[in-house]
């Protein structure tokens, strides 16, 4: 009858228990490997790309603010 025992700690007592279990002839001890997630590769952006991103962000934020101003009738002062 199979059982599964999970050791959730790397304390000396837990590791000693695992070593003792490995020596038992009726027990099979296998180590579960943690999956390694792939890290995405990001390219460093140039100063020119950064400035373009910031300009687009500023333009988008203004457009959103104007739309909210119009929908909510807030009468916020905008510079053109």
N, C-alpha and C. Protein backbone atom coordinates (compact mmCIF):
# COMPACT_ATOMS: atom_id res chain seq x y z
N UNK A 1 0.85 -1.16 0.00
CA UNK A 1 0.00 0.00 0.00
C UNK A 1 0.90 1.23 0.00
N UNK A 2 0.88 2.05 -1.08
CA UNK A 2 1.77 3.21 -1.18
C UNK A 2 1.29 4.40 -0.36
N UNK A 3 2.25 5.11 0.20
CA UNK A 3 2.00 6.35 0.92
C UNK A 3 2.92 7.41 0.35
N UNK A 4 2.51 8.66 0.48
CA UNK A 4 3.36 9.78 0.08
C UNK A 4 3.58 10.65 1.30
N UNK A 5 4.83 10.95 1.59
CA UNK A 5 5.18 11.85 2.69
C UNK A 5 5.91 13.03 2.08
N UNK A 6 5.46 14.22 2.42
CA UNK A 6 6.07 15.44 1.89
C UNK A 6 6.83 16.14 3.00
N UNK A 7 8.11 16.39 2.77
CA UNK A 7 8.94 17.13 3.71
C UNK A 7 8.97 18.58 3.21
N UNK A 8 8.49 19.50 4.03
CA UNK A 8 8.37 20.90 3.59
C UNK A 8 9.41 21.81 4.21
N UNK A 9 10.44 21.23 4.80
CA UNK A 9 11.42 22.04 5.50
C UNK A 9 12.80 21.43 5.26
N UNK A 10 13.81 22.27 5.16
CA UNK A 10 15.18 21.79 5.00
C UNK A 10 15.95 21.85 6.32
N UNK A 11 15.25 21.70 7.41
CA UNK A 11 15.91 21.74 8.72
C UNK A 11 16.78 20.49 8.89
N UNK A 12 17.74 20.53 9.78
CA UNK A 12 18.59 19.35 10.01
C UNK A 12 17.79 18.11 10.41
N UNK A 13 16.73 18.31 11.19
CA UNK A 13 15.91 17.17 11.61
C UNK A 13 15.20 16.56 10.40
N UNK A 14 14.68 17.40 9.51
CA UNK A 14 13.97 16.89 8.33
C UNK A 14 14.94 16.14 7.41
N UNK A 15 16.12 16.70 7.21
CA UNK A 15 17.11 16.04 6.35
C UNK A 15 17.59 14.72 6.97
N UNK A 16 17.71 14.68 8.28
CA UNK A 16 18.10 13.44 8.96
C UNK A 16 17.01 12.38 8.78
N UNK A 17 15.76 12.81 8.83
CA UNK A 17 14.64 11.88 8.63
C UNK A 17 14.68 11.30 7.21
N UNK A 18 14.98 12.15 6.24
CA UNK A 18 15.05 11.70 4.84
C UNK A 18 16.18 10.70 4.69
N UNK A 19 17.33 10.98 5.27
CA UNK A 19 18.46 10.05 5.19
C UNK A 19 18.12 8.71 5.84
N UNK A 20 17.42 8.75 6.95
CA UNK A 20 17.01 7.51 7.62
C UNK A 20 16.03 6.73 6.74
N UNK A 21 15.10 7.44 6.08
CA UNK A 21 14.12 6.79 5.22
C UNK A 21 14.79 6.16 4.00
N UNK A 22 15.86 6.78 3.50
CA UNK A 22 16.58 6.23 2.34
C UNK A 22 17.21 4.87 2.67
N UNK A 23 17.56 4.65 3.92
CA UNK A 23 18.22 3.41 4.33
C UNK A 23 17.25 2.25 4.52
N UNK A 24 15.96 2.54 4.58
CA UNK A 24 14.97 1.48 4.77
C UNK A 24 14.79 0.71 3.47
N UNK A 25 14.80 -0.61 3.55
CA UNK A 25 14.70 -1.43 2.34
C UNK A 25 13.29 -1.44 1.75
N UNK A 26 12.28 -1.10 2.50
CA UNK A 26 10.91 -1.10 2.00
C UNK A 26 10.41 0.29 1.61
N UNK A 27 11.30 1.30 1.65
CA UNK A 27 10.90 2.67 1.31
C UNK A 27 11.67 3.15 0.09
N UNK A 28 11.00 3.91 -0.73
CA UNK A 28 11.62 4.51 -1.90
C UNK A 28 11.53 6.03 -1.74
N UNK A 29 12.67 6.71 -1.76
CA UNK A 29 12.71 8.16 -1.57
C UNK A 29 13.12 8.80 -2.88
N UNK A 30 12.29 9.69 -3.39
CA UNK A 30 12.61 10.43 -4.61
C UNK A 30 12.49 11.92 -4.31
N UNK A 31 13.41 12.67 -4.85
CA UNK A 31 13.40 14.12 -4.66
C UNK A 31 12.61 14.76 -5.79
N UNK A 32 11.71 15.65 -5.43
CA UNK A 32 10.92 16.37 -6.43
C UNK A 32 11.65 17.66 -6.78
N UNK A 33 11.90 17.85 -8.05
CA UNK A 33 12.59 19.05 -8.50
C UNK A 33 11.58 20.15 -8.76
N UNK A 34 11.91 21.34 -8.31
CA UNK A 34 11.05 22.50 -8.54
C UNK A 34 11.18 22.92 -10.01
N UNK A 35 10.07 23.21 -10.67
CA UNK A 35 10.16 23.64 -12.07
C UNK A 35 10.81 25.03 -12.16
N UNK A 36 11.64 25.17 -13.16
CA UNK A 36 12.31 26.45 -13.39
C UNK A 36 11.56 27.16 -14.51
N UNK A 37 11.03 28.33 -14.20
CA UNK A 37 10.28 29.09 -15.19
C UNK A 37 11.25 29.88 -16.06
N UNK A 38 10.98 29.90 -17.34
CA UNK A 38 11.83 30.63 -18.28
C UNK A 38 11.65 32.13 -18.06
N UNK A 39 12.76 32.83 -18.02
CA UNK A 39 12.72 34.27 -17.87
C UNK A 39 12.71 34.92 -19.25
N UNK A 40 11.80 35.85 -19.49
CA UNK A 40 11.77 36.50 -20.80
C UNK A 40 13.01 37.39 -20.98
N UNK A 41 13.46 37.47 -22.21
CA UNK A 41 14.61 38.32 -22.52
C UNK A 41 14.11 39.71 -22.87
N UNK A 42 14.61 40.70 -22.16
CA UNK A 42 14.24 42.08 -22.42
C UNK A 42 15.46 42.80 -22.99
N UNK A 43 15.19 43.58 -24.00
CA UNK A 43 16.27 44.38 -24.58
C UNK A 43 16.32 45.71 -23.85
N UNK A 44 17.52 46.21 -23.69
CA UNK A 44 17.68 47.53 -23.11
C UNK A 44 17.20 48.56 -24.13
N UNK A 45 16.42 49.52 -23.66
CA UNK A 45 15.92 50.54 -24.58
C UNK A 45 16.91 51.70 -24.65
N UNK A 46 16.94 52.32 -25.80
CA UNK A 46 17.81 53.47 -25.98
C UNK A 46 17.12 54.70 -25.41
N UNK A 47 17.87 55.77 -25.28
CA UNK A 47 17.31 57.03 -24.78
C UNK A 47 16.22 57.52 -25.73
N UNK A 48 16.43 57.33 -27.02
CA UNK A 48 15.44 57.76 -28.02
C UNK A 48 14.14 56.98 -27.87
N UNK A 49 14.24 55.67 -27.66
CA UNK A 49 13.05 54.84 -27.46
C UNK A 49 12.33 55.24 -26.17
N UNK A 50 13.09 55.50 -25.13
CA UNK A 50 12.51 55.91 -23.85
C UNK A 50 11.73 57.21 -24.01
N UNK A 51 12.32 58.17 -24.69
CA UNK A 51 11.65 59.46 -24.89
C UNK A 51 10.38 59.30 -25.70
N UNK A 52 10.38 58.43 -26.71
CA UNK A 52 9.19 58.17 -27.51
C UNK A 52 8.09 57.53 -26.65
N UNK A 53 8.47 56.57 -25.83
CA UNK A 53 7.50 55.92 -24.94
C UNK A 53 6.89 56.93 -23.98
N UNK A 54 7.71 57.79 -23.41
CA UNK A 54 7.20 58.80 -22.48
C UNK A 54 6.27 59.79 -23.18
N UNK A 55 6.60 60.17 -24.41
CA UNK A 55 5.74 61.08 -25.17
C UNK A 55 4.39 60.43 -25.47
N UNK A 56 4.41 59.16 -25.87
CA UNK A 56 3.16 58.44 -26.13
C UNK A 56 2.33 58.30 -24.86
N UNK A 57 3.00 58.03 -23.75
CA UNK A 57 2.31 57.90 -22.47
C UNK A 57 1.64 59.21 -22.08
N UNK A 58 2.36 60.30 -22.24
CA UNK A 58 1.82 61.62 -21.89
C UNK A 58 0.61 61.95 -22.77
N UNK A 59 0.72 61.66 -24.06
CA UNK A 59 -0.38 61.91 -24.99
C UNK A 59 -1.60 61.06 -24.64
N UNK A 60 -1.37 59.80 -24.30
CA UNK A 60 -2.47 58.90 -23.94
C UNK A 60 -3.14 59.35 -22.64
N UNK A 61 -2.34 59.73 -21.66
CA UNK A 61 -2.90 60.20 -20.39
C UNK A 61 -3.75 61.45 -20.58
N UNK A 62 -3.29 62.36 -21.42
CA UNK A 62 -4.08 63.57 -21.70
C UNK A 62 -5.40 63.22 -22.37
N UNK A 63 -5.34 62.28 -23.33
CA UNK A 63 -6.57 61.89 -24.04
C UNK A 63 -7.57 61.26 -23.07
N UNK A 64 -7.08 60.44 -22.17
CA UNK A 64 -7.97 59.82 -21.18
C UNK A 64 -8.55 60.87 -20.26
N UNK A 65 -7.72 61.81 -19.81
CA UNK A 65 -8.20 62.86 -18.92
C UNK A 65 -9.26 63.72 -19.60
N UNK A 66 -9.05 64.04 -20.87
CA UNK A 66 -10.05 64.84 -21.61
C UNK A 66 -11.36 64.06 -21.75
N UNK A 67 -11.26 62.77 -22.03
CA UNK A 67 -12.46 61.95 -22.19
C UNK A 67 -13.24 61.88 -20.87
N UNK A 68 -12.55 61.67 -19.77
CA UNK A 68 -13.22 61.62 -18.47
C UNK A 68 -13.82 62.98 -18.13
N UNK A 69 -13.07 64.05 -18.44
CA UNK A 69 -13.56 65.40 -18.20
C UNK A 69 -14.86 65.65 -18.95
N UNK A 70 -14.92 65.19 -20.20
CA UNK A 70 -16.11 65.39 -21.02
C UNK A 70 -17.28 64.55 -20.50
N UNK A 71 -17.02 63.27 -20.17
CA UNK A 71 -18.09 62.37 -19.72
C UNK A 71 -18.65 62.77 -18.35
N UNK A 72 -17.78 63.20 -17.46
CA UNK A 72 -18.20 63.55 -16.09
C UNK A 72 -18.56 65.03 -15.95
N UNK A 73 -18.33 65.80 -17.03
CA UNK A 73 -18.62 67.24 -17.04
C UNK A 73 -17.93 67.93 -15.86
N UNK A 74 -16.63 67.74 -15.78
CA UNK A 74 -15.84 68.27 -14.67
C UNK A 74 -15.34 69.70 -14.91
N UNK A 75 -15.29 70.13 -16.15
CA UNK A 75 -14.79 71.46 -16.52
C UNK A 75 -13.37 71.70 -16.01
N UNK A 76 -12.49 70.74 -16.25
CA UNK A 76 -11.09 70.89 -15.88
C UNK A 76 -10.38 71.76 -16.91
N UNK A 77 -9.47 72.63 -16.44
CA UNK A 77 -8.74 73.48 -17.40
C UNK A 77 -7.63 72.67 -18.08
N UNK A 78 -7.63 72.69 -19.39
CA UNK A 78 -6.59 72.00 -20.16
C UNK A 78 -5.83 73.00 -21.00
N UNK A 79 -4.51 72.79 -21.09
CA UNK A 79 -3.69 73.58 -22.00
C UNK A 79 -3.69 72.88 -23.34
N UNK A 80 -3.87 73.61 -24.41
CA UNK A 80 -3.89 72.99 -25.75
C UNK A 80 -2.55 72.96 -26.35
